[in-house]
N, C-alpha and C. Protein backbone atom coordinates (compact mmCIF):
# COMPACT_ATOMS: atom_id res chain seq x y z
N UNK A 1 34.20 12.95 88.48
CA UNK A 1 33.50 11.81 89.03
C UNK A 1 31.99 12.04 88.91
N UNK A 2 31.26 11.00 88.31
CA UNK A 2 29.83 11.15 88.08
C UNK A 2 29.07 10.75 89.32
N UNK A 3 28.19 11.64 89.75
CA UNK A 3 27.41 11.38 90.98
C UNK A 3 26.32 10.37 90.68
N UNK A 4 26.06 9.44 91.57
CA UNK A 4 24.99 8.45 91.37
C UNK A 4 23.64 9.12 91.38
N UNK A 5 22.68 8.50 90.59
CA UNK A 5 21.32 9.05 90.52
C UNK A 5 20.63 8.81 91.84
N UNK A 6 19.91 9.79 92.25
CA UNK A 6 19.13 9.65 93.48
C UNK A 6 17.89 8.84 93.19
N UNK A 7 17.22 8.42 94.25
CA UNK A 7 15.99 7.63 94.10
C UNK A 7 14.91 8.43 93.39
N UNK A 8 14.82 9.71 93.69
CA UNK A 8 13.80 10.55 93.03
C UNK A 8 14.06 10.67 91.54
N UNK A 9 15.36 10.79 91.18
CA UNK A 9 15.70 10.94 89.76
C UNK A 9 15.38 9.67 89.00
N UNK A 10 15.67 8.51 89.65
CA UNK A 10 15.37 7.24 88.99
C UNK A 10 13.86 7.08 88.78
N UNK A 11 13.07 7.46 89.79
CA UNK A 11 11.62 7.33 89.66
C UNK A 11 11.09 8.25 88.55
N UNK A 12 11.66 9.47 88.45
CA UNK A 12 11.23 10.40 87.41
C UNK A 12 11.55 9.87 86.02
N UNK A 13 12.75 9.26 85.88
CA UNK A 13 13.16 8.72 84.59
C UNK A 13 12.27 7.57 84.18
N UNK A 14 11.93 6.70 85.17
CA UNK A 14 11.08 5.56 84.84
C UNK A 14 9.65 5.98 84.50
N UNK A 15 9.18 7.08 85.13
CA UNK A 15 7.82 7.54 84.91
C UNK A 15 7.66 8.32 83.59
N UNK A 16 8.78 8.80 82.99
CA UNK A 16 8.71 9.61 81.77
C UNK A 16 8.18 8.76 80.60
N UNK A 17 7.32 9.32 79.74
CA UNK A 17 6.76 8.55 78.61
C UNK A 17 7.85 8.24 77.59
N UNK A 18 7.73 7.10 76.89
CA UNK A 18 8.74 6.74 75.89
C UNK A 18 8.71 7.70 74.71
N UNK A 19 9.87 7.87 74.07
CA UNK A 19 9.97 8.75 72.88
C UNK A 19 9.08 8.22 71.77
N UNK A 20 8.34 9.09 71.05
CA UNK A 20 7.44 8.63 69.97
C UNK A 20 8.22 7.98 68.83
N UNK A 21 7.68 6.93 68.27
CA UNK A 21 8.32 6.23 67.16
C UNK A 21 8.21 7.07 65.88
N UNK A 22 9.21 6.93 64.97
CA UNK A 22 9.19 7.68 63.70
C UNK A 22 8.02 7.19 62.84
N UNK A 23 7.26 8.12 62.29
CA UNK A 23 6.09 7.72 61.50
C UNK A 23 6.51 6.95 60.25
N UNK A 24 5.77 5.95 59.89
CA UNK A 24 6.00 5.17 58.67
C UNK A 24 4.95 5.53 57.61
N UNK A 25 5.41 5.48 56.31
CA UNK A 25 4.48 5.73 55.21
C UNK A 25 3.62 4.49 55.01
N UNK A 26 2.37 4.68 55.12
CA UNK A 26 1.45 3.56 55.04
C UNK A 26 0.81 3.54 53.65
N UNK A 27 1.00 2.43 52.90
CA UNK A 27 0.37 2.25 51.59
C UNK A 27 -0.94 1.50 51.80
N UNK A 28 -1.97 2.29 51.94
CA UNK A 28 -3.24 1.65 52.22
C UNK A 28 -3.87 1.12 50.93
N UNK A 29 -4.96 0.41 51.04
CA UNK A 29 -5.62 -0.24 49.90
C UNK A 29 -6.16 0.77 48.91
N UNK A 30 -6.69 1.90 49.38
CA UNK A 30 -7.25 2.89 48.47
C UNK A 30 -6.18 3.47 47.54
N UNK A 31 -5.01 3.77 48.11
CA UNK A 31 -3.96 4.34 47.27
C UNK A 31 -3.46 3.31 46.25
N UNK A 32 -3.33 2.08 46.66
CA UNK A 32 -2.88 1.04 45.73
C UNK A 32 -3.88 0.86 44.60
N UNK A 33 -5.18 0.89 44.93
CA UNK A 33 -6.19 0.75 43.89
C UNK A 33 -6.16 1.93 42.92
N UNK A 34 -5.95 3.15 43.45
CA UNK A 34 -5.89 4.33 42.60
C UNK A 34 -4.74 4.26 41.61
N UNK A 35 -3.55 3.85 42.10
CA UNK A 35 -2.40 3.74 41.22
C UNK A 35 -2.59 2.63 40.18
N UNK A 36 -3.22 1.54 40.58
CA UNK A 36 -3.49 0.45 39.64
C UNK A 36 -4.44 0.91 38.54
N UNK A 37 -5.49 1.66 38.93
CA UNK A 37 -6.45 2.16 37.95
C UNK A 37 -5.78 3.13 36.98
N UNK A 38 -4.86 3.96 37.48
CA UNK A 38 -4.15 4.91 36.62
C UNK A 38 -3.28 4.17 35.61
N UNK A 39 -2.57 3.15 36.09
CA UNK A 39 -1.71 2.38 35.20
C UNK A 39 -2.53 1.67 34.11
N UNK A 40 -3.67 1.11 34.51
CA UNK A 40 -4.53 0.43 33.53
C UNK A 40 -5.06 1.43 32.50
N UNK A 41 -5.43 2.63 32.95
CA UNK A 41 -5.93 3.65 32.04
C UNK A 41 -4.89 4.07 31.02
N UNK A 42 -3.64 4.24 31.45
CA UNK A 42 -2.56 4.64 30.54
C UNK A 42 -2.30 3.53 29.51
N UNK A 43 -2.26 2.28 29.98
CA UNK A 43 -2.05 1.16 29.06
C UNK A 43 -3.19 1.07 28.03
N UNK A 44 -4.41 1.28 28.50
CA UNK A 44 -5.57 1.22 27.60
C UNK A 44 -5.49 2.31 26.54
N UNK A 45 -5.03 3.50 26.95
CA UNK A 45 -4.89 4.61 26.00
C UNK A 45 -3.90 4.26 24.90
N UNK A 46 -2.73 3.73 25.28
CA UNK A 46 -1.72 3.38 24.28
C UNK A 46 -2.21 2.27 23.36
N UNK A 47 -2.92 1.29 23.92
CA UNK A 47 -3.44 0.20 23.10
C UNK A 47 -4.47 0.74 22.10
N UNK A 48 -5.32 1.65 22.56
CA UNK A 48 -6.33 2.24 21.67
C UNK A 48 -5.68 3.03 20.53
N UNK A 49 -4.66 3.82 20.86
CA UNK A 49 -3.96 4.58 19.83
C UNK A 49 -3.29 3.66 18.82
N UNK A 50 -2.68 2.59 19.30
CA UNK A 50 -2.01 1.65 18.40
C UNK A 50 -3.01 0.93 17.51
N UNK A 51 -4.15 0.53 18.09
CA UNK A 51 -5.18 -0.12 17.28
C UNK A 51 -5.74 0.83 16.22
N UNK A 52 -5.89 2.11 16.59
CA UNK A 52 -6.36 3.10 15.61
C UNK A 52 -5.37 3.24 14.47
N UNK A 53 -4.07 3.24 14.82
CA UNK A 53 -3.03 3.33 13.79
C UNK A 53 -3.08 2.13 12.85
N UNK A 54 -3.23 0.93 13.41
CA UNK A 54 -3.30 -0.28 12.59
C UNK A 54 -4.54 -0.27 11.70
N UNK A 55 -5.66 0.21 12.25
CA UNK A 55 -6.90 0.28 11.47
C UNK A 55 -6.74 1.23 10.29
N UNK A 56 -6.11 2.37 10.53
CA UNK A 56 -5.88 3.34 9.45
C UNK A 56 -4.98 2.75 8.38
N UNK A 57 -3.94 2.02 8.80
CA UNK A 57 -3.06 1.38 7.82
C UNK A 57 -3.81 0.36 6.98
N UNK A 58 -4.66 -0.43 7.64
CA UNK A 58 -5.43 -1.44 6.91
C UNK A 58 -6.41 -0.79 5.94
N UNK A 59 -7.05 0.30 6.37
CA UNK A 59 -7.98 0.99 5.48
C UNK A 59 -7.25 1.60 4.29
N UNK A 60 -6.07 2.18 4.52
CA UNK A 60 -5.30 2.76 3.43
C UNK A 60 -4.86 1.69 2.44
N UNK A 61 -4.42 0.54 2.97
CA UNK A 61 -3.97 -0.55 2.10
C UNK A 61 -5.11 -1.12 1.27
N UNK A 62 -6.33 -1.06 1.81
CA UNK A 62 -7.47 -1.64 1.09
C UNK A 62 -7.91 -0.79 -0.09
N UNK A 63 -7.45 0.45 -0.17
CA UNK A 63 -7.81 1.33 -1.30
C UNK A 63 -6.55 1.92 -1.94
N UNK A 64 -5.45 1.17 -1.90
CA UNK A 64 -4.17 1.66 -2.38
C UNK A 64 -4.13 1.71 -3.91
N UNK A 65 -3.94 2.88 -4.51
CA UNK A 65 -3.72 2.94 -5.96
C UNK A 65 -2.24 2.72 -6.27
N UNK A 66 -1.96 2.15 -7.43
CA UNK A 66 -0.57 1.91 -7.83
C UNK A 66 -0.47 2.18 -9.33
N UNK A 67 -0.04 3.39 -9.67
CA UNK A 67 -0.01 3.82 -11.06
C UNK A 67 1.33 3.47 -11.72
N UNK A 68 1.27 3.17 -13.00
CA UNK A 68 2.48 2.83 -13.75
C UNK A 68 2.30 3.22 -15.21
N UNK A 69 3.41 3.65 -15.82
CA UNK A 69 3.42 3.93 -17.25
C UNK A 69 3.69 2.65 -18.03
N UNK A 70 3.20 2.60 -19.26
CA UNK A 70 3.45 1.44 -20.09
C UNK A 70 3.42 1.81 -21.56
N UNK A 71 3.88 0.88 -22.38
CA UNK A 71 3.88 1.07 -23.83
C UNK A 71 3.42 -0.24 -24.45
N UNK A 72 2.38 -0.17 -25.25
CA UNK A 72 1.87 -1.36 -25.91
C UNK A 72 1.92 -1.19 -27.42
N UNK A 73 2.15 -2.30 -28.11
CA UNK A 73 2.18 -2.27 -29.57
C UNK A 73 1.64 -3.59 -30.09
N UNK A 74 0.52 -3.53 -30.78
CA UNK A 74 -0.10 -4.70 -31.41
C UNK A 74 -0.56 -4.31 -32.81
N UNK A 75 -1.17 -5.24 -33.49
CA UNK A 75 -1.70 -4.93 -34.82
C UNK A 75 -2.83 -3.90 -34.76
N UNK A 76 -3.41 -3.75 -33.57
CA UNK A 76 -4.50 -2.77 -33.40
C UNK A 76 -3.97 -1.36 -33.18
N UNK A 77 -2.68 -1.22 -32.90
CA UNK A 77 -2.12 0.11 -32.69
C UNK A 77 -1.01 0.11 -31.66
N UNK A 78 -0.44 1.28 -31.43
CA UNK A 78 0.63 1.48 -30.44
C UNK A 78 0.20 2.61 -29.51
N UNK A 79 0.37 2.38 -28.21
CA UNK A 79 -0.14 3.36 -27.24
C UNK A 79 0.82 3.53 -26.07
N UNK A 80 0.95 4.78 -25.65
CA UNK A 80 1.59 5.12 -24.38
C UNK A 80 0.49 5.15 -23.32
N UNK A 81 0.60 4.32 -22.30
CA UNK A 81 -0.51 4.11 -21.38
C UNK A 81 -0.16 4.51 -19.95
N UNK A 82 -1.20 4.78 -19.19
CA UNK A 82 -1.11 4.96 -17.74
C UNK A 82 -2.14 4.01 -17.13
N UNK A 83 -1.68 3.08 -16.31
CA UNK A 83 -2.58 2.07 -15.76
C UNK A 83 -2.52 2.11 -14.23
N UNK A 84 -3.60 1.63 -13.63
CA UNK A 84 -3.70 1.54 -12.17
C UNK A 84 -3.72 0.07 -11.80
N UNK A 85 -2.59 -0.43 -11.29
CA UNK A 85 -2.48 -1.83 -10.88
C UNK A 85 -2.85 -2.04 -9.42
N UNK A 86 -3.36 -1.01 -8.75
CA UNK A 86 -3.69 -1.10 -7.33
C UNK A 86 -5.09 -1.63 -7.09
N UNK A 87 -5.53 -1.50 -5.83
CA UNK A 87 -6.85 -2.00 -5.43
C UNK A 87 -7.83 -0.87 -5.14
N UNK A 88 -7.39 0.37 -5.33
CA UNK A 88 -8.27 1.52 -5.10
C UNK A 88 -8.06 2.57 -6.17
N UNK A 89 -8.97 3.53 -6.30
CA UNK A 89 -8.84 4.56 -7.32
C UNK A 89 -7.70 5.53 -7.01
N UNK A 90 -7.12 6.08 -8.06
CA UNK A 90 -6.09 7.10 -7.91
C UNK A 90 -6.55 8.41 -8.52
N UNK A 91 -6.43 9.48 -7.76
CA UNK A 91 -6.83 10.81 -8.26
C UNK A 91 -5.60 11.53 -8.78
N UNK A 92 -5.62 11.96 -10.04
CA UNK A 92 -4.50 12.67 -10.62
C UNK A 92 -4.48 14.10 -10.09
N UNK A 93 -3.35 14.49 -9.50
CA UNK A 93 -3.24 15.82 -8.89
C UNK A 93 -2.44 16.80 -9.74
N UNK A 94 -1.45 16.31 -10.46
CA UNK A 94 -0.61 17.19 -11.29
C UNK A 94 0.02 16.36 -12.40
N UNK A 95 0.18 16.99 -13.57
CA UNK A 95 0.81 16.34 -14.73
C UNK A 95 1.85 17.30 -15.29
N UNK A 96 3.10 16.83 -15.37
CA UNK A 96 4.20 17.67 -15.86
C UNK A 96 5.08 16.85 -16.80
N UNK A 97 5.82 17.58 -17.64
CA UNK A 97 6.82 16.95 -18.50
C UNK A 97 8.13 17.71 -18.34
N UNK A 98 9.21 16.99 -17.98
CA UNK A 98 10.55 17.58 -17.84
C UNK A 98 11.35 17.26 -19.10
N UNK A 99 11.92 18.31 -19.70
CA UNK A 99 12.67 18.10 -20.93
C UNK A 99 13.73 19.19 -21.08
N UNK A 100 14.99 18.76 -21.18
CA UNK A 100 16.13 19.65 -21.39
C UNK A 100 16.17 20.78 -20.36
N UNK A 101 15.97 20.42 -19.10
CA UNK A 101 16.07 21.39 -18.01
C UNK A 101 14.84 22.25 -17.81
N UNK A 102 13.81 22.04 -18.58
CA UNK A 102 12.58 22.83 -18.45
C UNK A 102 11.42 21.92 -18.05
N UNK A 103 10.48 22.49 -17.31
CA UNK A 103 9.29 21.75 -16.88
C UNK A 103 8.06 22.39 -17.53
N UNK A 104 7.27 21.56 -18.21
CA UNK A 104 6.07 22.03 -18.89
C UNK A 104 4.86 21.38 -18.26
N UNK A 105 3.87 22.19 -17.90
CA UNK A 105 2.61 21.65 -17.38
C UNK A 105 1.73 21.31 -18.58
N UNK A 106 1.76 20.05 -18.97
CA UNK A 106 1.01 19.59 -20.14
C UNK A 106 0.88 18.09 -20.09
N UNK A 107 -0.13 17.58 -20.76
CA UNK A 107 -0.25 16.13 -20.83
C UNK A 107 0.61 15.63 -21.99
N UNK A 108 0.90 14.32 -22.05
CA UNK A 108 1.80 13.80 -23.08
C UNK A 108 1.36 14.08 -24.51
N UNK A 109 0.05 14.10 -24.75
CA UNK A 109 -0.43 14.34 -26.11
C UNK A 109 -0.05 15.75 -26.59
N UNK A 110 -0.34 16.76 -25.77
CA UNK A 110 0.00 18.13 -26.15
C UNK A 110 1.51 18.29 -26.32
N UNK A 111 2.28 17.66 -25.42
CA UNK A 111 3.74 17.77 -25.51
C UNK A 111 4.24 17.08 -26.77
N UNK A 112 3.66 15.96 -27.12
CA UNK A 112 4.06 15.23 -28.32
C UNK A 112 3.83 16.08 -29.57
N UNK A 113 2.66 16.70 -29.67
CA UNK A 113 2.37 17.52 -30.85
C UNK A 113 3.25 18.75 -30.91
N UNK A 114 3.60 19.31 -29.73
CA UNK A 114 4.40 20.54 -29.71
C UNK A 114 5.87 20.27 -30.04
N UNK A 115 6.30 19.02 -29.99
CA UNK A 115 7.72 18.72 -30.18
C UNK A 115 7.96 17.78 -31.36
N UNK A 116 7.12 17.87 -32.36
CA UNK A 116 7.33 17.11 -33.58
C UNK A 116 7.04 18.02 -34.76
N UNK A 117 7.56 17.62 -35.91
CA UNK A 117 7.32 18.39 -37.14
C UNK A 117 6.58 17.51 -38.13
N UNK A 118 6.03 18.12 -39.11
CA UNK A 118 5.32 17.38 -40.12
C UNK A 118 3.85 17.22 -39.79
N UNK A 119 3.09 16.65 -40.69
CA UNK A 119 1.65 16.50 -40.48
C UNK A 119 1.34 15.49 -39.39
N UNK A 120 0.20 15.68 -38.78
CA UNK A 120 -0.22 14.76 -37.72
C UNK A 120 -0.53 13.40 -38.32
N UNK A 121 0.00 12.32 -37.72
CA UNK A 121 -0.24 10.99 -38.28
C UNK A 121 -1.73 10.67 -38.30
N UNK A 122 -2.14 9.93 -39.31
CA UNK A 122 -3.53 9.50 -39.37
C UNK A 122 -3.79 8.48 -38.27
N UNK A 123 -4.96 8.54 -37.70
CA UNK A 123 -5.31 7.60 -36.64
C UNK A 123 -4.73 7.93 -35.29
N UNK A 124 -4.12 9.13 -35.15
CA UNK A 124 -3.54 9.51 -33.85
C UNK A 124 -4.66 9.62 -32.81
N UNK A 125 -4.47 8.94 -31.68
CA UNK A 125 -5.51 8.86 -30.65
C UNK A 125 -5.01 9.51 -29.36
N UNK A 126 -5.95 10.00 -28.56
CA UNK A 126 -5.60 10.66 -27.31
C UNK A 126 -6.69 10.38 -26.27
N UNK A 127 -6.25 10.22 -25.04
CA UNK A 127 -7.13 10.17 -23.87
C UNK A 127 -6.41 10.98 -22.79
N UNK A 128 -6.83 12.21 -22.62
CA UNK A 128 -6.07 13.17 -21.83
C UNK A 128 -6.02 12.80 -20.34
N UNK A 129 -4.85 13.06 -19.76
CA UNK A 129 -4.67 12.93 -18.32
C UNK A 129 -4.58 14.34 -17.75
N UNK A 130 -5.57 14.72 -16.98
CA UNK A 130 -5.64 16.07 -16.44
C UNK A 130 -5.84 16.02 -14.94
N UNK A 131 -5.37 17.03 -14.20
CA UNK A 131 -5.58 17.06 -12.75
C UNK A 131 -7.06 16.98 -12.40
N UNK A 132 -7.35 16.15 -11.40
CA UNK A 132 -8.73 15.95 -10.98
C UNK A 132 -9.35 14.69 -11.54
N UNK A 133 -8.73 14.12 -12.56
CA UNK A 133 -9.29 12.90 -13.15
C UNK A 133 -9.06 11.72 -12.21
N UNK A 134 -10.03 10.82 -12.13
CA UNK A 134 -9.95 9.65 -11.27
C UNK A 134 -9.71 8.42 -12.13
N UNK A 135 -8.67 7.67 -11.75
CA UNK A 135 -8.34 6.44 -12.48
C UNK A 135 -8.72 5.24 -11.61
N UNK A 136 -9.79 4.53 -11.95
CA UNK A 136 -10.23 3.40 -11.11
C UNK A 136 -9.19 2.28 -11.08
N UNK A 137 -9.33 1.42 -10.08
CA UNK A 137 -8.44 0.27 -9.97
C UNK A 137 -8.60 -0.64 -11.18
N UNK A 138 -7.48 -1.23 -11.61
CA UNK A 138 -7.46 -2.18 -12.73
C UNK A 138 -7.98 -1.57 -14.04
N UNK A 139 -7.71 -0.29 -14.23
CA UNK A 139 -8.09 0.38 -15.47
C UNK A 139 -6.87 1.01 -16.12
N UNK A 140 -6.99 1.31 -17.41
CA UNK A 140 -5.87 1.84 -18.19
C UNK A 140 -6.33 3.00 -19.05
N UNK A 141 -5.50 4.04 -19.10
CA UNK A 141 -5.73 5.18 -19.98
C UNK A 141 -4.73 5.09 -21.13
N UNK A 142 -5.20 5.12 -22.35
CA UNK A 142 -4.33 5.20 -23.52
C UNK A 142 -4.08 6.68 -23.80
N UNK A 143 -3.03 7.23 -23.16
CA UNK A 143 -2.79 8.67 -23.18
C UNK A 143 -2.48 9.19 -24.58
N UNK A 144 -1.73 8.40 -25.32
CA UNK A 144 -1.27 8.84 -26.64
C UNK A 144 -0.99 7.60 -27.47
N UNK A 145 -1.35 7.65 -28.75
CA UNK A 145 -1.06 6.50 -29.59
C UNK A 145 -1.64 6.63 -30.96
N UNK A 146 -1.63 5.51 -31.63
CA UNK A 146 -2.11 5.47 -33.01
C UNK A 146 -2.89 4.19 -33.20
N UNK A 147 -4.13 4.32 -33.62
CA UNK A 147 -4.95 3.15 -33.88
C UNK A 147 -4.68 2.62 -35.28
N UNK A 148 -4.83 1.32 -35.44
CA UNK A 148 -4.57 0.72 -36.75
C UNK A 148 -3.11 0.41 -36.95
N UNK A 149 -2.80 -0.17 -38.10
CA UNK A 149 -1.45 -0.64 -38.36
C UNK A 149 -0.68 0.22 -39.37
N UNK A 150 -1.35 1.21 -39.94
CA UNK A 150 -0.73 1.98 -41.02
C UNK A 150 0.47 2.79 -40.52
N UNK A 151 0.24 3.64 -39.52
CA UNK A 151 1.31 4.49 -38.99
C UNK A 151 1.81 4.01 -37.63
N UNK A 152 1.53 2.77 -37.29
CA UNK A 152 1.85 2.28 -35.94
C UNK A 152 3.35 2.35 -35.65
N UNK A 153 4.17 1.82 -36.51
CA UNK A 153 5.61 1.80 -36.25
C UNK A 153 6.21 3.21 -36.24
N UNK A 154 5.71 4.08 -37.11
CA UNK A 154 6.23 5.46 -37.14
C UNK A 154 5.91 6.19 -35.85
N UNK A 155 4.67 6.06 -35.37
CA UNK A 155 4.28 6.72 -34.11
C UNK A 155 5.00 6.08 -32.94
N UNK A 156 5.14 4.76 -32.95
CA UNK A 156 5.85 4.07 -31.87
C UNK A 156 7.29 4.57 -31.78
N UNK A 157 7.94 4.71 -32.93
CA UNK A 157 9.33 5.21 -32.95
C UNK A 157 9.40 6.63 -32.42
N UNK A 158 8.46 7.46 -32.81
CA UNK A 158 8.46 8.85 -32.31
C UNK A 158 8.29 8.90 -30.80
N UNK A 159 7.40 8.07 -30.26
CA UNK A 159 7.14 8.09 -28.83
C UNK A 159 8.35 7.64 -28.03
N UNK A 160 9.02 6.57 -28.45
CA UNK A 160 10.17 6.08 -27.68
C UNK A 160 11.40 6.95 -27.88
N UNK A 161 11.44 7.71 -28.98
CA UNK A 161 12.54 8.66 -29.15
C UNK A 161 12.34 9.92 -28.31
N UNK A 162 11.08 10.30 -28.12
CA UNK A 162 10.79 11.54 -27.39
C UNK A 162 10.74 11.33 -25.88
N UNK A 163 10.12 10.23 -25.43
CA UNK A 163 9.89 10.03 -24.00
C UNK A 163 10.83 8.96 -23.42
N UNK A 164 11.31 9.23 -22.20
CA UNK A 164 12.08 8.25 -21.43
C UNK A 164 11.09 7.32 -20.74
N UNK A 165 11.09 6.05 -21.14
CA UNK A 165 10.11 5.08 -20.65
C UNK A 165 10.84 3.88 -20.07
N UNK A 166 10.77 3.74 -18.74
CA UNK A 166 11.46 2.64 -18.08
C UNK A 166 10.87 1.29 -18.42
N UNK A 167 9.61 1.27 -18.86
CA UNK A 167 8.91 0.02 -19.13
C UNK A 167 9.24 -0.57 -20.50
N UNK A 168 9.98 0.18 -21.33
CA UNK A 168 10.26 -0.28 -22.70
C UNK A 168 11.44 -1.26 -22.69
N UNK A 169 11.28 -2.43 -23.28
CA UNK A 169 12.41 -3.38 -23.36
C UNK A 169 13.55 -2.80 -24.18
N UNK A 170 14.80 -3.06 -23.79
CA UNK A 170 15.95 -2.55 -24.57
C UNK A 170 15.95 -3.04 -26.02
N UNK A 171 15.40 -4.24 -26.26
CA UNK A 171 15.36 -4.75 -27.64
C UNK A 171 14.49 -3.87 -28.53
N UNK A 172 13.43 -3.29 -27.95
CA UNK A 172 12.58 -2.37 -28.73
C UNK A 172 13.38 -1.12 -29.11
N UNK A 173 14.13 -0.60 -28.14
CA UNK A 173 14.92 0.60 -28.42
C UNK A 173 15.94 0.33 -29.52
N UNK A 174 16.56 -0.85 -29.49
CA UNK A 174 17.53 -1.18 -30.54
C UNK A 174 16.83 -1.32 -31.89
N UNK A 175 15.70 -1.98 -31.89
CA UNK A 175 14.99 -2.22 -33.15
C UNK A 175 14.48 -0.92 -33.76
N UNK A 176 14.06 0.01 -32.87
CA UNK A 176 13.50 1.28 -33.35
C UNK A 176 14.56 2.37 -33.47
N UNK A 177 15.83 2.01 -33.17
CA UNK A 177 16.93 2.96 -33.23
C UNK A 177 16.63 4.20 -32.38
N UNK A 178 16.25 3.92 -31.12
CA UNK A 178 15.85 5.00 -30.22
C UNK A 178 16.70 5.03 -28.95
N UNK A 179 17.90 4.49 -29.01
CA UNK A 179 18.78 4.51 -27.84
C UNK A 179 19.39 5.90 -27.64
N UNK A 180 19.57 6.28 -26.38
CA UNK A 180 20.29 7.50 -26.04
C UNK A 180 19.54 8.77 -26.42
N UNK A 181 20.26 9.90 -26.26
CA UNK A 181 19.69 11.20 -26.57
C UNK A 181 18.89 11.76 -25.41
N UNK A 182 18.63 13.07 -25.47
CA UNK A 182 17.80 13.73 -24.46
C UNK A 182 16.35 13.31 -24.64
N UNK A 183 15.76 12.83 -23.58
CA UNK A 183 14.37 12.39 -23.65
C UNK A 183 13.55 13.05 -22.55
N UNK A 184 12.29 13.24 -22.85
CA UNK A 184 11.38 13.89 -21.91
C UNK A 184 10.90 12.88 -20.86
N UNK A 185 10.70 13.38 -19.65
CA UNK A 185 10.21 12.54 -18.55
C UNK A 185 8.83 13.04 -18.14
N UNK A 186 7.85 12.16 -18.21
CA UNK A 186 6.50 12.49 -17.75
C UNK A 186 6.43 12.24 -16.25
N UNK A 187 5.86 13.19 -15.53
CA UNK A 187 5.76 13.08 -14.06
C UNK A 187 4.33 13.37 -13.64
N UNK A 188 3.76 12.48 -12.84
CA UNK A 188 2.38 12.62 -12.40
C UNK A 188 2.31 12.44 -10.89
N UNK A 189 1.68 13.40 -10.22
CA UNK A 189 1.37 13.28 -8.79
C UNK A 189 -0.06 12.75 -8.67
N UNK A 190 -0.25 11.79 -7.78
CA UNK A 190 -1.60 11.26 -7.58
C UNK A 190 -1.81 10.92 -6.11
N UNK A 191 -3.08 10.73 -5.74
CA UNK A 191 -3.41 10.50 -4.33
C UNK A 191 -4.52 9.46 -4.21
N UNK A 192 -4.62 8.88 -3.01
CA UNK A 192 -5.68 7.92 -2.71
C UNK A 192 -6.88 8.66 -2.13
N UNK A 193 -7.95 7.93 -1.85
CA UNK A 193 -9.15 8.55 -1.28
C UNK A 193 -8.89 9.05 0.14
N UNK A 194 -7.83 8.56 0.80
CA UNK A 194 -7.49 9.02 2.14
C UNK A 194 -6.46 10.15 2.13
N UNK A 195 -6.08 10.61 0.93
CA UNK A 195 -5.16 11.74 0.85
C UNK A 195 -3.69 11.38 0.85
N UNK A 196 -3.34 10.07 0.89
CA UNK A 196 -1.94 9.67 0.75
C UNK A 196 -1.49 9.97 -0.67
N UNK A 197 -0.25 10.46 -0.81
CA UNK A 197 0.18 10.95 -2.12
C UNK A 197 1.45 10.25 -2.60
N UNK A 198 1.54 10.10 -3.93
CA UNK A 198 2.70 9.48 -4.57
C UNK A 198 3.05 10.27 -5.82
N UNK A 199 4.27 10.01 -6.32
CA UNK A 199 4.72 10.60 -7.57
C UNK A 199 5.31 9.50 -8.44
N UNK A 200 4.87 9.44 -9.69
CA UNK A 200 5.38 8.46 -10.63
C UNK A 200 6.03 9.18 -11.81
N UNK A 201 7.20 8.69 -12.22
CA UNK A 201 7.93 9.24 -13.36
C UNK A 201 8.04 8.16 -14.43
N UNK A 202 8.02 8.60 -15.69
CA UNK A 202 8.06 7.63 -16.78
C UNK A 202 9.42 6.93 -16.90
N UNK A 203 10.48 7.51 -16.30
CA UNK A 203 11.79 6.86 -16.35
C UNK A 203 12.06 5.99 -15.13
N UNK A 204 11.04 5.79 -14.29
CA UNK A 204 11.15 4.94 -13.12
C UNK A 204 9.96 3.98 -13.07
N UNK A 205 10.18 2.82 -12.46
CA UNK A 205 9.12 1.81 -12.42
C UNK A 205 8.25 1.89 -11.18
N UNK A 206 8.78 2.44 -10.09
CA UNK A 206 8.09 2.40 -8.81
C UNK A 206 7.67 3.79 -8.36
N UNK A 207 6.41 4.02 -8.00
CA UNK A 207 5.99 5.33 -7.47
C UNK A 207 6.68 5.62 -6.14
N UNK A 208 6.89 6.90 -5.88
CA UNK A 208 7.52 7.33 -4.63
C UNK A 208 6.55 8.14 -3.80
N UNK A 209 6.35 7.77 -2.51
CA UNK A 209 5.47 8.58 -1.66
C UNK A 209 6.10 9.92 -1.31
N UNK A 210 5.26 10.91 -1.08
CA UNK A 210 5.79 12.22 -0.65
C UNK A 210 4.74 12.96 0.15
């Protein structure tokens, strides 16, 4: 049986201070402003980095070199060419020729002379492609060929028989009887003024970045 509270006990209980309330986390204005400033700073950083990336892409595109091999034949002569169809200069970094499982560091002219027999054709022309050479936009190098019409067809036939050239129409190969067989592939590494690098092969039409 529970004994009733005495008058003194009741007075003591009523006089006792109330239990303290549990503290609440207060988000004051200063803390909110600090977090807002931090969030804005992080967003600004990402935006700046993204804009820098876009600017670099635009700058690279504005000086993009685009090299391609070609073969021309007119009454003035026949030439194996390297042209820059891009909007910026291309720096030649390496020139190689792959043939029958071997790689030779040489330009097409030297390789042509080393892999043919008989006297050198009259009117044989050369414009060497060497590492370090700069090929301006919208310009063409006549790497190897023959000026004039005297030996034009003979040199043209030798070039398409020796080199694999993706730019040559199949009708030319049929006409010159140059279909099939092991053919050499010219490979050139080149770069832009910003150091972006590509590789072009004579048996392919499109340069590959690397």
